Amino acid sequence: MDTSLPPADELVLVDRELAQLDARRTQLLARRAWLIRALYPPVAAAARPWAGSGRTVTPSASSGNIR
């Protein structure tokens, strides 16, 4: 990289640009999350019969089905 700036000054510029890029990345990630929510809204549990009731059924030793 051919530059006429002293290394300390160039480092300040690079750090500033990196901070701006981080801020822009944060903006874009927030926009992406909003777009995903807009395109794919959450589906209600009643519309997803495969989802079940959210309860897990575990066999107990007293049920007599386990040998």
PDB file of N, CA and C in Angstrom:
ATOM      1  N   MET A   1       0.851  -1.163   0.000  1.00  0.00           N
ATOM      2  CA  MET A   1       0.000   0.000   0.000  1.00  0.00           C
ATOM      3  C   MET A   1       0.897   1.226   0.000  1.00  0.00           C
ATOM      4  N   ASP A   2       0.771   2.032  -1.004  1.00  0.00           N
ATOM      5  CA  ASP A   2       1.604   3.222  -1.134  1.00  0.00           C
ATOM      6  C   ASP A   2       0.858   4.414  -0.557  1.00  0.00           C
ATOM      7  N   THR A   3       1.374   4.934   0.546  1.00  0.00           N
ATOM      8  CA  THR A   3       0.725   6.068   1.199  1.00  0.00           C
ATOM      9  C   THR A   3       1.784   7.014   1.730  1.00  0.00           C
ATOM     10  N   SER A   4       1.415   8.268   1.827  1.00  0.00           N
ATOM     11  CA  SER A   4       2.367   9.255   2.334  1.00  0.00           C
ATOM     12  C   SER A   4       2.103   9.593   3.799  1.00  0.00           C
ATOM     13  N   LEU A   5       1.151   8.917   4.409  1.00  0.00           N
ATOM     14  CA  LEU A   5       0.838   9.177   5.816  1.00  0.00           C
ATOM     15  C   LEU A   5       1.802   8.435   6.728  1.00  0.00           C
ATOM     16  N   PRO A   6       2.116   9.019   7.856  1.00  0.00           N
ATOM     17  CA  PRO A   6       2.887   8.286   8.856  1.00  0.00           C
ATOM     18  C   PRO A   6       2.042   7.106   9.368  1.00  0.00           C
ATOM     19  N   PRO A   7       2.680   6.024   9.771  1.00  0.00           N
ATOM     20  CA  PRO A   7       1.939   4.843  10.209  1.00  0.00           C
ATOM     21  C   PRO A   7       0.908   5.120  11.305  1.00  0.00           C
ATOM     22  N   ALA A   8       1.205   5.971  12.247  1.00  0.00           N
ATOM     23  CA  ALA A   8       0.264   6.259  13.333  1.00  0.00           C
ATOM     24  C   ALA A   8      -0.998   6.938  12.793  1.00  0.00           C
ATOM     25  N   ASP A   9      -0.836   7.848  11.837  1.00  0.00           N
ATOM     26  CA  ASP A   9      -1.993   8.530  11.252  1.00  0.00           C
ATOM     27  C   ASP A   9      -2.822   7.570  10.408  1.00  0.00           C
ATOM     28  N   GLU A  10      -2.134   6.717   9.659  1.00  0.00           N
ATOM     29  CA  GLU A  10      -2.849   5.737   8.849  1.00  0.00           C
ATOM     30  C   GLU A  10      -3.623   4.772   9.741  1.00  0.00           C
ATOM     31  N   LEU A  11      -3.033   4.399  10.865  1.00  0.00           N
ATOM     32  CA  LEU A  11      -3.718   3.506  11.797  1.00  0.00           C
ATOM     33  C   LEU A  11      -5.000   4.148  12.316  1.00  0.00           C
ATOM     34  N   VAL A  12      -4.963   5.427  12.608  1.00  0.00           N
ATOM     35  CA  VAL A  12      -6.166   6.135  13.060  1.00  0.00           C
ATOM     36  C   VAL A  12      -7.243   6.087  11.981  1.00  0.00           C
ATOM     37  N   LEU A  13      -6.862   6.318  10.734  1.00  0.00           N
ATOM     38  CA  LEU A  13      -7.821   6.282   9.633  1.00  0.00           C
ATOM     39  C   LEU A  13      -8.405   4.883   9.439  1.00  0.00           C
ATOM     40  N   VAL A  14      -7.561   3.873   9.523  1.00  0.00           N
ATOM     41  CA  VAL A  14      -8.030   2.497   9.360  1.00  0.00           C
ATOM     42  C   VAL A  14      -8.986   2.128  10.493  1.00  0.00           C
ATOM     43  N   ASP A  15      -8.648   2.501  11.722  1.00  0.00           N
ATOM     44  CA  ASP A  15      -9.536   2.211  12.853  1.00  0.00           C
ATOM     45  C   ASP A  15     -10.882   2.923  12.690  1.00  0.00           C
ATOM     46  N   ARG A  16     -10.858   4.160  12.206  1.00  0.00           N
ATOM     47  CA  ARG A  16     -12.100   4.899  11.992  1.00  0.00           C
ATOM     48  C   ARG A  16     -12.958   4.212  10.921  1.00  0.00           C
ATOM     49  N   GLU A  17     -12.317   3.789   9.840  1.00  0.00           N
ATOM     50  CA  GLU A  17     -13.058   3.122   8.776  1.00  0.00           C
ATOM     51  C   GLU A  17     -13.626   1.779   9.250  1.00  0.00           C
ATOM     52  N   LEU A  18     -12.861   1.062  10.047  1.00  0.00           N
ATOM     53  CA  LEU A  18     -13.363  -0.206  10.590  1.00  0.00           C
ATOM     54  C   LEU A  18     -14.568   0.018  11.503  1.00  0.00           C
ATOM     55  N   ALA A  19     -14.541   1.082  12.289  1.00  0.00           N
ATOM     56  CA  ALA A  19     -15.676   1.395  13.158  1.00  0.00           C
ATOM     57  C   ALA A  19     -16.913   1.717  12.314  1.00  0.00           C
ATOM     58  N   GLN A  20     -16.711   2.453  11.218  1.00  0.00           N
ATOM     59  CA  GLN A  20     -17.833   2.762  10.329  1.00  0.00           C
ATOM     60  C   GLN A  20     -18.385   1.487   9.687  1.00  0.00           C
ATOM     61  N   LEU A  21     -17.499   0.581   9.299  1.00  0.00           N
ATOM     62  CA  LEU A  21     -17.944  -0.680   8.709  1.00  0.00           C
ATOM     63  C   LEU A  21     -18.707  -1.528   9.724  1.00  0.00           C
ATOM     64  N   ASP A  22     -18.249  -1.534  10.970  1.00  0.00           N
ATOM     65  CA  ASP A  22     -18.968  -2.265  12.017  1.00  0.00           C
ATOM     66  C   ASP A  22     -20.378  -1.705  12.206  1.00  0.00           C
ATOM     67  N   ALA A  23     -20.488  -0.387  12.201  1.00  0.00           N
ATOM     68  CA  ALA A  23     -21.800   0.238  12.359  1.00  0.00           C
ATOM     69  C   ALA A  23     -22.703  -0.097  11.178  1.00  0.00           C
ATOM     70  N   ARG A  24     -22.150  -0.068   9.985  1.00  0.00           N
ATOM     71  CA  ARG A  24     -22.932  -0.396   8.791  1.00  0.00           C
ATOM     72  C   ARG A  24     -23.370  -1.860   8.824  1.00  0.00           C
ATOM     73  N   ARG A  25     -22.482  -2.742   9.264  1.00  0.00           N
ATOM     74  CA  ARG A  25     -22.827  -4.164   9.359  1.00  0.00           C
ATOM     75  C   ARG A  25     -23.979  -4.368  10.345  1.00  0.00           C
ATOM     76  N   THR A  26     -23.933  -3.656  11.461  1.00  0.00           N
ATOM     77  CA  THR A  26     -25.015  -3.740  12.444  1.00  0.00           C
ATOM     78  C   THR A  26     -26.329  -3.273  11.835  1.00  0.00           C
ATOM     79  N   GLN A  27     -26.288  -2.185  11.067  1.00  0.00           N
ATOM     80  CA  GLN A  27     -27.487  -1.692  10.384  1.00  0.00           C
ATOM     81  C   GLN A  27     -28.041  -2.735   9.426  1.00  0.00           C
ATOM     82  N   LEU A  28     -27.150  -3.327   8.642  1.00  0.00           N
ATOM     83  CA  LEU A  28     -27.593  -4.302   7.645  1.00  0.00           C
ATOM     84  C   LEU A  28     -28.150  -5.560   8.298  1.00  0.00           C
ATOM     85  N   LEU A  29     -27.556  -6.001   9.390  1.00  0.00           N
ATOM     86  CA  LEU A  29     -28.074  -7.177  10.083  1.00  0.00           C
ATOM     87  C   LEU A  29     -29.455  -6.913  10.673  1.00  0.00           C
ATOM     88  N   ALA A  30     -29.661  -5.723  11.194  1.00  0.00           N
ATOM     89  CA  ALA A  30     -30.979  -5.369  11.724  1.00  0.00           C
ATOM     90  C   ALA A  30     -32.005  -5.306  10.594  1.00  0.00           C
ATOM     91  N   ARG A  31     -31.630  -4.742   9.472  1.00  0.00           N
ATOM     92  CA  ARG A  31     -32.530  -4.681   8.319  1.00  0.00           C
ATOM     93  C   ARG A  31     -32.858  -6.087   7.823  1.00  0.00           C
ATOM     94  N   ARG A  32     -31.847  -6.960   7.782  1.00  0.00           N
ATOM     95  CA  ARG A  32     -32.050  -8.337   7.346  1.00  0.00           C
ATOM     96  C   ARG A  32     -33.024  -9.060   8.272  1.00  0.00           C
ATOM     97  N   ALA A  33     -32.853  -8.885   9.570  1.00  0.00           N
ATOM     98  CA  ALA A  33     -33.756  -9.524  10.532  1.00  0.00           C
ATOM     99  C   ALA A  33     -35.180  -9.023  10.342  1.00  0.00           C
ATOM    100  N   TRP A  34     -35.351  -7.713  10.092  1.00  0.00           N
ATOM    101  CA  TRP A  34     -36.679  -7.167   9.860  1.00  0.00           C
ATOM    102  C   TRP A  34     -37.300  -7.758   8.599  1.00  0.00           C
ATOM    103  N   LEU A  35     -36.503  -7.870   7.539  1.00  0.00           N
ATOM    104  CA  LEU A  35     -37.010  -8.435   6.285  1.00  0.00           C
ATOM    105  C   LEU A  35     -37.421  -9.893   6.459  1.00  0.00           C
ATOM    106  N   ILE A  36     -36.643 -10.645   7.191  1.00  0.00           N
ATOM    107  CA  ILE A  36     -36.991 -12.053   7.422  1.00  0.00           C
ATOM    108  C   ILE A  36     -38.296 -12.144   8.193  1.00  0.00           C
ATOM    109  N   ARG A  37     -38.463 -11.312   9.217  1.00  0.00           N
ATOM    110  CA  ARG A  37     -39.719 -11.317   9.968  1.00  0.00           C
ATOM    111  C   ARG A  37     -40.890 -10.904   9.090  1.00  0.00           C
ATOM    112  N   ALA A  38     -40.657  -9.962   8.175  1.00  0.00           N
ATOM    113  CA  ALA A  38     -41.723  -9.508   7.288  1.00  0.00           C
ATOM    114  C   ALA A  38     -42.091 -10.577   6.260  1.00  0.00           C
ATOM    115  N   LEU A  39     -41.102 -11.279   5.752  1.00  0.00           N
ATOM    116  CA  LEU A  39     -41.358 -12.297   4.729  1.00  0.00           C
ATOM    117  C   LEU A  39     -41.874 -13.603   5.311  1.00  0.00           C
ATOM    118  N   TYR A  40     -41.388 -13.953   6.487  1.00  0.00           N
ATOM    119  CA  TYR A  40     -41.741 -15.233   7.104  1.00  0.00           C
ATOM    120  C   TYR A  40     -42.262 -14.993   8.511  1.00  0.00           C
ATOM    121  N   PRO A  41     -43.494 -14.515   8.627  1.00  0.00           N
ATOM    122  CA  PRO A  41     -44.025 -14.257   9.969  1.00  0.00           C
ATOM    123  C   PRO A  41     -44.151 -15.560  10.748  1.00  0.00           C
ATOM    124  N   PRO A  42     -44.090 -15.483  12.066  1.00  0.00           N
ATOM    125  CA  PRO A  42     -44.213 -16.692  12.880  1.00  0.00           C
ATOM    126  C   PRO A  42     -45.559 -17.365  12.627  1.00  0.00           C
ATOM    127  N   VAL A  43     -45.536 -18.677  12.570  1.00  0.00           N
ATOM    128  CA  VAL A  43     -46.753 -19.444  12.330  1.00  0.00           C
ATOM    129  C   VAL A  43     -47.324 -19.852  13.679  1.00  0.00           C
ATOM    130  N   ALA A  44     -48.627 -19.686  13.831  1.00  0.00           N
ATOM    131  CA  ALA A  44     -49.289 -20.053  15.081  1.00  0.00           C
ATOM    132  C   ALA A  44     -49.185 -21.558  15.296  1.00  0.00           C
ATOM    133  N   ALA A  45     -49.141 -21.975  16.547  1.00  0.00           N
ATOM    134  CA  ALA A  45     -48.994 -23.392  16.876  1.00  0.00           C
ATOM    135  C   ALA A  45     -50.174 -24.206  16.358  1.00  0.00           C
ATOM    136  N   ALA A  46     -51.367 -23.629  16.303  1.00  0.00           N
ATOM    137  CA  ALA A  46     -52.540 -24.355  15.820  1.00  0.00           C
ATOM    138  C   ALA A  46     -52.410 -24.679  14.338  1.00  0.00           C
ATOM    139  N   ALA A  47     -51.673 -23.885  13.610  1.00  0.00           N
ATOM    140  CA  ALA A  47     -51.494 -24.123  12.186  1.00  0.00           C
ATOM    141  C   ALA A  47     -50.395 -25.140  11.915  1.00  0.00           C
ATOM    142  N   ARG A  48     -49.700 -25.554  12.951  1.00  0.00           N
ATOM    143  CA  ARG A  48     -48.621 -26.529  12.805  1.00  0.00           C
ATOM    144  C   ARG A  48     -48.952 -27.772  13.619  1.00  0.00           C
ATOM    145  N   PRO A  49     -49.756 -28.666  13.094  1.00  0.00           N
ATOM    146  CA  PRO A  49     -50.144 -29.843  13.886  1.00  0.00           C
ATOM    147  C   PRO A  49     -48.957 -30.737  14.225  1.00  0.00           C
ATOM    148  N   TRP A  50     -47.896 -30.674  13.451  1.00  0.00           N
ATOM    149  CA  TRP A  50     -46.734 -31.506  13.733  1.00  0.00           C
ATOM    150  C   TRP A  50     -45.961 -31.002  14.947  1.00  0.00           C
ATOM    151  N   ALA A  51     -46.237 -29.794  15.382  1.00  0.00           N
ATOM    152  CA  ALA A  51     -45.485 -29.220  16.490  1.00  0.00           C
ATOM    153  C   ALA A  51     -45.913 -29.817  17.823  1.00  0.00           C
ATOM    154  N   GLY A  52     -47.102 -30.367  17.910  1.00  0.00           N
ATOM    155  CA  GLY A  52     -47.552 -30.961  19.160  1.00  0.00           C
ATOM    156  C   GLY A  52     -47.927 -29.920  20.184  1.00  0.00           C
ATOM    157  N   SER A  53     -48.099 -30.367  21.380  1.00  0.00           N
ATOM    158  CA  SER A  53     -48.542 -29.484  22.447  1.00  0.00           C
ATOM    159  C   SER A  53     -47.391 -28.841  23.201  1.00  0.00           C
ATOM    160  N   GLY A  54     -46.188 -29.221  22.872  1.00  0.00           N
ATOM    161  CA  GLY A  54     -45.039 -28.692  23.589  1.00  0.00           C
ATOM    162  C   GLY A  54     -44.655 -29.541  24.783  1.00  0.00           C
ATOM    163  N   ARG A  55     -45.496 -30.525  25.113  1.00  0.00           N
ATOM    164  CA  ARG A  55     -45.189 -31.414  26.227  1.00  0.00           C
ATOM    165  C   ARG A  55     -44.470 -32.638  25.697  1.00  0.00           C
ATOM    166  N   THR A  56     -43.554 -33.131  26.461  1.00  0.00           N
ATOM    167  CA  THR A  56     -42.883 -34.366  26.082  1.00  0.00           C
ATOM    168  C   THR A  56     -43.422 -35.493  26.936  1.00  0.00           C
ATOM    169  N   VAL A  57     -43.600 -36.634  26.328  1.00  0.00           N
ATOM    170  CA  VAL A  57     -44.111 -37.796  27.032  1.00  0.00           C
ATOM    171  C   VAL A  57     -42.951 -38.752  27.236  1.00  0.00           C
ATOM    172  N   THR A  58     -42.700 -39.019  28.486  1.00  0.00           N
ATOM    173  CA  THR A  58     -41.633 -39.963  28.802  1.00  0.00           C
ATOM    174  C   THR A  58     -42.239 -41.141  29.540  1.00  0.00           C
ATOM    175  N   PRO A  59     -41.845 -42.336  29.166  1.00  0.00           N
ATOM    176  CA  PRO A  59     -42.398 -43.515  29.863  1.00  0.00           C
ATOM    177  C   PRO A  59     -41.893 -43.565  31.303  1.00  0.00           C
ATOM    178  N   SER A  60     -42.777 -43.963  32.179  1.00  0.00           N
ATOM    179  CA  SER A  60     -42.366 -44.105  33.570  1.00  0.00           C
ATOM    180  C   SER A  60     -42.225 -45.588  33.888  1.00  0.00           C
ATOM    181  N   ALA A  61     -41.454 -45.900  34.871  1.00  0.00           N
ATOM    182  CA  ALA A  61     -41.208 -47.289  35.254  1.00  0.00           C
ATOM    183  C   ALA A  61     -42.468 -47.936  35.803  1.00  0.00           C
ATOM    184  N   SER A  62     -43.401 -47.160  36.303  1.00  0.00           N
ATOM    185  CA  SER A  62     -44.607 -47.732  36.886  1.00  0.00           C
ATOM    186  C   SER A  62     -45.691 -47.990  35.836  1.00  0.00           C
ATOM    187  N   SER A  63     -45.434 -47.641  34.570  1.00  0.00           N
ATOM    188  CA  SER A  63     -46.488 -47.817  33.555  1.00  0.00           C
ATOM    189  C   SER A  63     -46.653 -49.262  33.141  1.00  0.00           C
ATOM    190  N   GLY A  64     -45.692 -50.104  33.429  1.00  0.00           N
ATOM    191  CA  GLY A  64     -45.801 -51.497  33.076  1.00  0.00           C
ATOM    192  C   GLY A  64     -45.391 -51.792  31.643  1.00  0.00           C
ATOM    193  N   ASN A  65     -45.068 -50.791  30.864  1.00  0.00           N
ATOM    194  CA  ASN A  65     -44.681 -50.994  29.465  1.00  0.00           C
ATOM    195  C   ASN A  65     -43.183 -51.205  29.309  1.00  0.00           C
ATOM    196  N   ILE A  66     -42.437 -50.949  30.327  1.00  0.00           N
ATOM    197  CA  ILE A  66     -40.983 -51.079  30.236  1.00  0.00           C
ATOM    198  C   ILE A  66     -40.573 -52.375  30.905  1.00  0.00           C
ATOM    199  N   ARG A  67     -39.771 -53.153  30.233  1.00  0.00           N
ATOM    200  CA  ARG A  67     -39.298 -54.423  30.804  1.00  0.00           C
ATOM    201  C   ARG A  67     -37.822 -54.387  31.006  1.00  0.00           C
TER     202      ARG A  67
END
